[in-house]
Each structure stands twice: as structure tokens, then as C-alpha cells.
Amino acid sequence: MRTSNLPKTFAVFFLSFIVGSSIVSSCTSRRSATKFHKESYDSPAPFVINLNTADTNDLQKLPQVGPALAERIIGHRERYGPFRKVEHVLLVEGVSEKRFLSWRQFIRTE
């Protein structure tokens, strides 16, 4: 196929795509995205609770945890043994993934 047979609209579209994508790619900066990512996840927690040694009062310091949920976490720990990973708290009834993510920076198992 010869290039002279290509429609003009296709050639214009292709050239505008190439020029536009080069402009957009030169505007993005990886440095600013990386800095934002680190600041949002590396902030130190004001307190840290050990899931394997915490009592009811300690667990109630976590966001969205009342006395009933704190008792279920302790009951699960007593029945099945200590949590080996913080993600294992998701096995407790009433702990959703959304709730767990709000606790993630405040809990540990060691």
C-alpha cells in the first residue's frame, strides 16, 4: 500500500495523536507522584496496638471499634491462638476490609 492512498483525515488524526501524546508525556513528572505516595503512607501512627496482647480498652482506641467488636477480637484470639499476621484479623466477624484498612497503621502482631 502506498502512503498517497491514505485518507487525509487518517494522516491528520495520526499526526495529532503523536504530537498530543508527546506533549502530555513531557508534562508528567514521576518525582512529584513518588513524593506524594511516600508522604501518604509513611506517616508514623500516633499509637500502635499489639493485637495479641491488647485488652478491650486498648482495642477500643481503634477507629470504629466498640466493646462488642473488641470482645469478638479477643474471643477469636483466645479460641484460635495469636494472630500471626495483622491481616488475620479479617477473619473476625464484623471486621471488613474497609475497616481493616483504617486500622492498618495502628496495629501489629509482634
C-alpha atoms as a PDB file:
ATOM      1  CA  MET A   1       0.000   0.000   0.000  1.00  0.00           C
ATOM      2  CA  ARG A   2       1.302   3.409  -0.869  1.00  0.00           C
ATOM      3  CA  THR A   3       1.023   6.335   1.529  1.00  0.00           C
ATOM      4  CA  SER A   4      -0.586   8.507  -1.116  1.00  0.00           C
ATOM      5  CA  ASN A   5      -3.690   6.286  -0.926  1.00  0.00           C
ATOM      6  CA  LEU A   6      -4.258   7.004   2.799  1.00  0.00           C
ATOM      7  CA  PRO A   7      -7.112   9.341   3.548  1.00  0.00           C
ATOM      8  CA  LYS A   8      -6.117  12.791   4.658  1.00  0.00           C
ATOM      9  CA  THR A   9      -8.207  12.555   7.833  1.00  0.00           C
ATOM     10  CA  PHE A  10      -6.303   9.482   8.971  1.00  0.00           C
ATOM     11  CA  ALA A  11      -2.969  11.221   8.421  1.00  0.00           C
ATOM     12  CA  VAL A  12      -4.150  14.304  10.306  1.00  0.00           C
ATOM     13  CA  PHE A  13      -5.516  12.186  13.139  1.00  0.00           C
ATOM     14  CA  PHE A  14      -2.305  10.162  13.387  1.00  0.00           C
ATOM     15  CA  LEU A  15      -0.098  13.267  13.452  1.00  0.00           C
ATOM     16  CA  SER A  16      -2.269  14.988  16.055  1.00  0.00           C
ATOM     17  CA  PHE A  17      -2.115  11.842  18.205  1.00  0.00           C
ATOM     18  CA  ILE A  18       1.685  11.709  18.015  1.00  0.00           C
ATOM     19  CA  VAL A  19       2.088  15.409  18.810  1.00  0.00           C
ATOM     20  CA  GLY A  20      -0.506  15.318  21.589  1.00  0.00           C
ATOM     21  CA  SER A  21       0.958  12.263  23.286  1.00  0.00           C
ATOM     22  CA  SER A  22       4.452  13.767  23.247  1.00  0.00           C
ATOM     23  CA  ILE A  23       3.145  16.945  24.899  1.00  0.00           C
ATOM     24  CA  VAL A  24       1.270  15.010  27.584  1.00  0.00           C
ATOM     25  CA  SER A  25       4.186  12.705  28.335  1.00  0.00           C
ATOM     26  CA  SER A  26       6.539  15.643  28.775  1.00  0.00           C
ATOM     27  CA  CYS A  27       4.166  17.279  31.296  1.00  0.00           C
ATOM     28  CA  THR A  28       4.032  14.408  33.772  1.00  0.00           C
ATOM     29  CA  SER A  29       6.647  14.148  36.450  1.00  0.00           C
ATOM     30  CA  ARG A  30       7.450  10.932  38.265  1.00  0.00           C
ATOM     31  CA  ARG A  31       9.169  12.788  41.069  1.00  0.00           C
ATOM     32  CA  SER A  32       6.026  14.552  42.299  1.00  0.00           C
ATOM     33  CA  ALA A  33       3.957  11.361  42.157  1.00  0.00           C
ATOM     34  CA  THR A  34       6.557   9.415  44.128  1.00  0.00           C
ATOM     35  CA  LYS A  35       6.825  12.134  46.767  1.00  0.00           C
ATOM     36  CA  PHE A  36       3.051  12.194  47.250  1.00  0.00           C
ATOM     37  CA  HIS A  37       2.952   8.405  47.541  1.00  0.00           C
ATOM     38  CA  LYS A  38       5.611   8.322  50.254  1.00  0.00           C
ATOM     39  CA  GLU A  39       4.033  11.098  52.302  1.00  0.00           C
ATOM     40  CA  SER A  40       0.628   9.450  52.321  1.00  0.00           C
ATOM     41  CA  TYR A  41       1.829   6.026  53.516  1.00  0.00           C
ATOM     42  CA  ASP A  42       4.943   6.633  55.600  1.00  0.00           C
ATOM     43  CA  SER A  43       3.414   8.882  58.237  1.00  0.00           C
ATOM     44  CA  PRO A  44       4.017   7.470  61.711  1.00  0.00           C
ATOM     45  CA  ALA A  45       0.989   6.376  63.717  1.00  0.00           C
ATOM     46  CA  PRO A  46       0.354   8.223  67.000  1.00  0.00           C
ATOM     47  CA  PHE A  47      -0.011   4.833  68.751  1.00  0.00           C
ATOM     48  CA  VAL A  48       0.428   1.150  67.899  1.00  0.00           C
ATOM     49  CA  ILE A  49      -1.611  -1.683  69.385  1.00  0.00           C
ATOM     50  CA  ASN A  50      -0.447  -5.295  69.531  1.00  0.00           C
ATOM     51  CA  LEU A  51      -3.426  -7.454  68.563  1.00  0.00           C
ATOM     52  CA  ASN A  52      -2.081 -10.408  70.554  1.00  0.00           C
ATOM     53  CA  THR A  53      -1.739  -8.598  73.891  1.00  0.00           C
ATOM     54  CA  ALA A  54      -4.338  -5.818  73.706  1.00  0.00           C
ATOM     55  CA  ASP A  55      -7.261  -5.777  76.106  1.00  0.00           C
ATOM     56  CA  THR A  56     -10.758  -4.424  75.421  1.00  0.00           C
ATOM     57  CA  ASN A  57      -9.844  -0.830  76.306  1.00  0.00           C
ATOM     58  CA  ASP A  58      -6.817  -0.835  74.006  1.00  0.00           C
ATOM     59  CA  LEU A  59      -8.793  -2.223  71.073  1.00  0.00           C
ATOM     60  CA  GLN A  60     -11.493   0.421  71.525  1.00  0.00           C
ATOM     61  CA  LYS A  61      -8.892   3.084  70.699  1.00  0.00           C
ATOM     62  CA  LEU A  62      -9.005   1.880  67.087  1.00  0.00           C
ATOM     63  CA  PRO A  63     -11.402   3.675  64.719  1.00  0.00           C
ATOM     64  CA  GLN A  64     -14.906   2.141  64.577  1.00  0.00           C
ATOM     65  CA  VAL A  65     -14.306  -0.368  67.384  1.00  0.00           C
ATOM     66  CA  GLY A  66     -16.789  -0.635  70.217  1.00  0.00           C
ATOM     67  CA  PRO A  67     -16.949  -3.018  73.161  1.00  0.00           C
ATOM     68  CA  ALA A  68     -18.715  -5.770  71.189  1.00  0.00           C
ATOM     69  CA  LEU A  69     -16.180  -5.882  68.372  1.00  0.00           C
ATOM     70  CA  ALA A  70     -13.287  -5.686  70.832  1.00  0.00           C
ATOM     71  CA  GLU A  71     -14.709  -8.717  72.658  1.00  0.00           C
ATOM     72  CA  ARG A  72     -15.063 -10.629  69.364  1.00  0.00           C
ATOM     73  CA  ILE A  73     -11.411  -9.927  68.515  1.00  0.00           C
ATOM     74  CA  ILE A  74     -10.285 -11.149  71.949  1.00  0.00           C
ATOM     75  CA  GLY A  75     -12.602 -14.185  71.715  1.00  0.00           C
ATOM     76  CA  HIS A  76     -11.134 -15.092  68.321  1.00  0.00           C
ATOM     77  CA  ARG A  77      -7.615 -14.768  69.711  1.00  0.00           C
ATOM     78  CA  GLU A  78      -8.461 -16.985  72.712  1.00  0.00           C
ATOM     79  CA  ARG A  79     -10.158 -19.617  70.580  1.00  0.00           C
ATOM     80  CA  TYR A  80      -7.702 -19.849  67.665  1.00  0.00           C
ATOM     81  CA  GLY A  81      -4.482 -18.576  69.204  1.00  0.00           C
ATOM     82  CA  PRO A  82      -2.463 -15.438  68.493  1.00  0.00           C
ATOM     83  CA  PHE A  83      -2.698 -13.601  65.191  1.00  0.00           C
ATOM     84  CA  ARG A  84       0.351 -14.398  63.062  1.00  0.00           C
ATOM     85  CA  LYS A  85      -0.295 -11.546  60.628  1.00  0.00           C
ATOM     86  CA  VAL A  86      -2.322  -8.385  61.069  1.00  0.00           C
ATOM     87  CA  GLU A  87      -4.411  -9.436  58.049  1.00  0.00           C
ATOM     88  CA  HIS A  88      -5.738 -12.398  60.050  1.00  0.00           C
ATOM     89  CA  VAL A  89      -7.969 -10.006  61.994  1.00  0.00           C
ATOM     90  CA  LEU A  90     -10.147 -10.008  58.861  1.00  0.00           C
ATOM     91  CA  LEU A  91     -11.326 -13.467  59.949  1.00  0.00           C
ATOM     92  CA  VAL A  92     -13.159 -11.924  62.912  1.00  0.00           C
ATOM     93  CA  GLU A  93     -16.859 -11.377  62.299  1.00  0.00           C
ATOM     94  CA  GLY A  94     -17.580  -7.672  61.852  1.00  0.00           C
ATOM     95  CA  VAL A  95     -14.146  -6.699  60.534  1.00  0.00           C
ATOM     96  CA  SER A  96     -14.475  -5.608  56.919  1.00  0.00           C
ATOM     97  CA  GLU A  97     -11.648  -4.804  54.556  1.00  0.00           C
ATOM     98  CA  LYS A  98     -12.539  -1.106  54.701  1.00  0.00           C
ATOM     99  CA  ARG A  99     -12.419  -1.123  58.500  1.00  0.00           C
ATOM    100  CA  PHE A 100      -9.148  -3.061  58.473  1.00  0.00           C
ATOM    101  CA  LEU A 101      -7.541  -0.522  56.137  1.00  0.00           C
ATOM    102  CA  SER A 102      -8.454   2.270  58.559  1.00  0.00           C
ATOM    103  CA  TRP A 103      -6.680   0.331  61.348  1.00  0.00           C
ATOM    104  CA  ARG A 104      -3.665  -0.852  59.375  1.00  0.00           C
ATOM    105  CA  GLN A 105      -1.259   1.826  60.582  1.00  0.00           C
ATOM    106  CA  PHE A 106      -2.275   1.333  64.235  1.00  0.00           C
ATOM    107  CA  ILE A 107      -1.959  -2.447  64.641  1.00  0.00           C
ATOM    108  CA  ARG A 108       0.772  -5.061  64.736  1.00  0.00           C
ATOM    109  CA  THR A 109       1.183  -8.673  65.881  1.00  0.00           C
ATOM    110  CA  GLU A 110       4.672  -8.655  67.382  1.00  0.00           C
END
